Amino acid sequence: MVAHFYISSQWLTSVLHSSCLAML
């Protein structure tokens, strides 16, 4: 469960970074 949460947070972070870069 902890690993799943960690992977989800990592994915969420990468998605947020991609969104920010796309806006720039």
C-alpha atoms as a PDB file:
ATOM      1  CA  MET A   1       0.000   0.000   0.000  1.00  0.00           C
ATOM      2  CA  VAL A   2       2.838   2.381   0.832  1.00  0.00           C
ATOM      3  CA  ALA A   3       4.567   1.593  -2.468  1.00  0.00           C
ATOM      4  CA  HIS A   4       1.332   2.276  -4.347  1.00  0.00           C
ATOM      5  CA  PHE A   5       0.962   5.637  -2.623  1.00  0.00           C
ATOM      6  CA  TYR A   6       4.580   6.508  -3.398  1.00  0.00           C
ATOM      7  CA  ILE A   7       4.164   5.601  -7.085  1.00  0.00           C
ATOM      8  CA  SER A   8       0.929   7.573  -7.257  1.00  0.00           C
ATOM      9  CA  SER A   9       2.540  10.664  -5.746  1.00  0.00           C
ATOM     10  CA  GLN A  10       5.496  10.356  -8.132  1.00  0.00           C
ATOM     11  CA  TRP A  11       3.094  10.090 -11.100  1.00  0.00           C
ATOM     12  CA  LEU A  12       1.063  13.030  -9.836  1.00  0.00           C
ATOM     13  CA  THR A  13       4.220  15.138  -9.467  1.00  0.00           C
ATOM     14  CA  SER A  14       5.373  14.342 -12.999  1.00  0.00           C
ATOM     15  CA  VAL A  15       1.918  15.184 -14.369  1.00  0.00           C
ATOM     16  CA  LEU A  16       1.921  18.518 -12.535  1.00  0.00           C
ATOM     17  CA  HIS A  17       5.388  19.331 -13.863  1.00  0.00           C
ATOM     18  CA  SER A  18       4.286  18.457 -17.396  1.00  0.00           C
ATOM     19  CA  SER A  19       1.239  20.693 -17.041  1.00  0.00           C
ATOM     20  CA  CYS A  20       3.353  23.599 -15.782  1.00  0.00           C
ATOM     21  CA  LEU A  21       5.849  23.177 -18.628  1.00  0.00           C
ATOM     22  CA  ALA A  22       3.009  23.018 -21.155  1.00  0.00           C
ATOM     23  CA  MET A  23       1.615  26.304 -19.820  1.00  0.00           C
ATOM     24  CA  LEU A  24       5.004  27.993 -20.280  1.00  0.00           C
END
